[in-house]
Structures are given as structure tokens and as C-alpha cells.
Amino acid sequence: MKIDWAALGSVFGVSLVVTVALVALFTLGIMGLSHRERATAQGDSATLAVTGAYVCFAACAAAVAYGISLIVV
């Protein structure tokens, strides 16, 4: 058996980048919801922050669903 180290390194690199991107997206979503809480406490509207948070969470869900579909197929 021969191990293709270049392919193994490529898979590691891609998985690392995707993991960091998902964590960043989720963090942006949490920050948007946090901004909503602060705006509500001050009596302001934070429609853009909430919309951005929902978009970030939807992108995270789409990426996870795509990864699961790659595993299943």
C-alpha cells in the first residue's frame, strides 16, 4: 500500500480552511445577534444586523448540508 502524501496534505489544508471559515461565519452571526440585543436595549432598530446574522447562519447550514451530501454520495 502506498500513501499519497500530497493528496492527504491537500485534504488537510482544505478541511482546515473550511473549518476556519465556518467558525468565522458562525461568529459573525453571533455578533449580529449580540448587536441586536444592544440595539434593543437602547431602543434602536438593528434590522441589518439581524439580517446579516441570519445570512451567516444560513451559509453555515448550507455548508454543513453540502458536506453531509458529499459524504453520503
C-alpha atoms as a PDB file:
ATOM      1  CA  MET A   1       0.000   0.000   0.000  1.00  0.00           C
ATOM      2  CA  LYS A   2       1.281   3.424  -0.966  1.00  0.00           C
ATOM      3  CA  ILE A   3       0.100   6.628   0.717  1.00  0.00           C
ATOM      4  CA  ASP A   4      -0.350   9.688  -1.485  1.00  0.00           C
ATOM      5  CA  TRP A   5       1.020  12.295   0.892  1.00  0.00           C
ATOM      6  CA  ALA A   6       0.254  15.200  -1.440  1.00  0.00           C
ATOM      7  CA  ALA A   7      -3.431  14.276  -1.555  1.00  0.00           C
ATOM      8  CA  LEU A   8      -3.505  13.782   2.207  1.00  0.00           C
ATOM      9  CA  GLY A   9      -1.961  17.219   2.725  1.00  0.00           C
ATOM     10  CA  SER A  10      -4.441  18.758   0.288  1.00  0.00           C
ATOM     11  CA  VAL A  11      -7.383  17.267   2.175  1.00  0.00           C
ATOM     12  CA  PHE A  12      -5.957  18.529   5.462  1.00  0.00           C
ATOM     13  CA  GLY A  13      -5.445  22.025   4.056  1.00  0.00           C
ATOM     14  CA  VAL A  14      -8.943  22.273   2.592  1.00  0.00           C
ATOM     15  CA  SER A  15     -10.569  20.951   5.762  1.00  0.00           C
ATOM     16  CA  LEU A  16      -8.614  23.441   7.866  1.00  0.00           C
ATOM     17  CA  VAL A  17      -9.632  26.386   5.681  1.00  0.00           C
ATOM     18  CA  VAL A  18     -13.296  25.313   5.604  1.00  0.00           C
ATOM     19  CA  THR A  19     -13.348  24.840   9.375  1.00  0.00           C
ATOM     20  CA  VAL A  20     -11.905  28.290   9.992  1.00  0.00           C
ATOM     21  CA  ALA A  21     -14.385  29.814   7.516  1.00  0.00           C
ATOM     22  CA  LEU A  22     -17.352  28.124   9.202  1.00  0.00           C
ATOM     23  CA  VAL A  23     -16.225  29.279  12.629  1.00  0.00           C
ATOM     24  CA  ALA A  24     -15.800  32.831  11.299  1.00  0.00           C
ATOM     25  CA  LEU A  25     -19.280  32.796   9.730  1.00  0.00           C
ATOM     26  CA  PHE A  26     -20.864  31.487  12.908  1.00  0.00           C
ATOM     27  CA  THR A  27     -19.006  34.095  14.952  1.00  0.00           C
ATOM     28  CA  LEU A  28     -20.280  36.860  12.674  1.00  0.00           C
ATOM     29  CA  GLY A  29     -23.810  35.544  13.159  1.00  0.00           C
ATOM     30  CA  ILE A  30     -23.434  35.581  16.933  1.00  0.00           C
ATOM     31  CA  MET A  31     -22.026  39.117  16.773  1.00  0.00           C
ATOM     32  CA  GLY A  32     -25.037  40.231  14.705  1.00  0.00           C
ATOM     33  CA  LEU A  33     -27.440  38.825  17.280  1.00  0.00           C
ATOM     34  CA  SER A  34     -25.431  40.473  20.033  1.00  0.00           C
ATOM     35  CA  HIS A  35     -25.721  43.782  18.229  1.00  0.00           C
ATOM     36  CA  ARG A  36     -29.493  43.288  18.090  1.00  0.00           C
ATOM     37  CA  GLU A  37     -29.613  42.836  21.850  1.00  0.00           C
ATOM     38  CA  ARG A  38     -27.646  46.043  22.409  1.00  0.00           C
ATOM     39  CA  ALA A  39     -29.799  47.993  19.946  1.00  0.00           C
ATOM     40  CA  THR A  40     -32.992  46.738  21.577  1.00  0.00           C
ATOM     41  CA  ALA A  41     -31.730  47.812  24.991  1.00  0.00           C
ATOM     42  CA  GLN A  42     -31.031  51.286  23.612  1.00  0.00           C
ATOM     43  CA  GLY A  43     -34.360  51.488  21.784  1.00  0.00           C
ATOM     44  CA  ASP A  44     -32.836  51.394  18.278  1.00  0.00           C
ATOM     45  CA  SER A  45     -33.511  49.101  15.325  1.00  0.00           C
ATOM     46  CA  ALA A  46     -30.937  46.562  14.202  1.00  0.00           C
ATOM     47  CA  THR A  47     -32.599  45.122  11.107  1.00  0.00           C
ATOM     48  CA  LEU A  48     -29.370  44.977   9.104  1.00  0.00           C
ATOM     49  CA  ALA A  49     -27.503  43.189  11.899  1.00  0.00           C
ATOM     50  CA  VAL A  50     -30.260  40.597  12.300  1.00  0.00           C
ATOM     51  CA  THR A  51     -30.473  40.031   8.546  1.00  0.00           C
ATOM     52  CA  GLY A  52     -26.695  39.610   8.369  1.00  0.00           C
ATOM     53  CA  ALA A  53     -26.787  37.158  11.269  1.00  0.00           C
ATOM     54  CA  TYR A  54     -29.470  35.077   9.578  1.00  0.00           C
ATOM     55  CA  VAL A  55     -27.500  35.076   6.319  1.00  0.00           C
ATOM     56  CA  CYS A  56     -24.395  33.877   8.184  1.00  0.00           C
ATOM     57  CA  PHE A  57     -26.333  31.102   9.904  1.00  0.00           C
ATOM     58  CA  ALA A  58     -27.921  30.076   6.595  1.00  0.00           C
ATOM     59  CA  ALA A  59     -24.488  29.929   4.944  1.00  0.00           C
ATOM     60  CA  CYS A  60     -23.223  27.738   7.806  1.00  0.00           C
ATOM     61  CA  ALA A  61     -26.201  25.406   7.445  1.00  0.00           C
ATOM     62  CA  ALA A  62     -25.713  25.234   3.675  1.00  0.00           C
ATOM     63  CA  ALA A  63     -22.020  24.390   4.048  1.00  0.00           C
ATOM     64  CA  VAL A  64     -22.782  21.659   6.579  1.00  0.00           C
ATOM     65  CA  ALA A  65     -25.534  20.235   4.369  1.00  0.00           C
ATOM     66  CA  TYR A  66     -23.176  20.256   1.386  1.00  0.00           C
ATOM     67  CA  GLY A  67     -20.507  18.439   3.396  1.00  0.00           C
ATOM     68  CA  ILE A  68     -23.016  15.812   4.510  1.00  0.00           C
ATOM     69  CA  SER A  69     -24.195  15.370   0.920  1.00  0.00           C
ATOM     70  CA  LEU A  70     -20.582  14.813  -0.170  1.00  0.00           C
ATOM     71  CA  ILE A  71     -20.186  12.120   2.471  1.00  0.00           C
ATOM     72  CA  VAL A  72     -23.463  10.371   1.627  1.00  0.00           C
ATOM     73  CA  VAL A  73     -22.980  10.365  -2.143  1.00  0.00           C
END
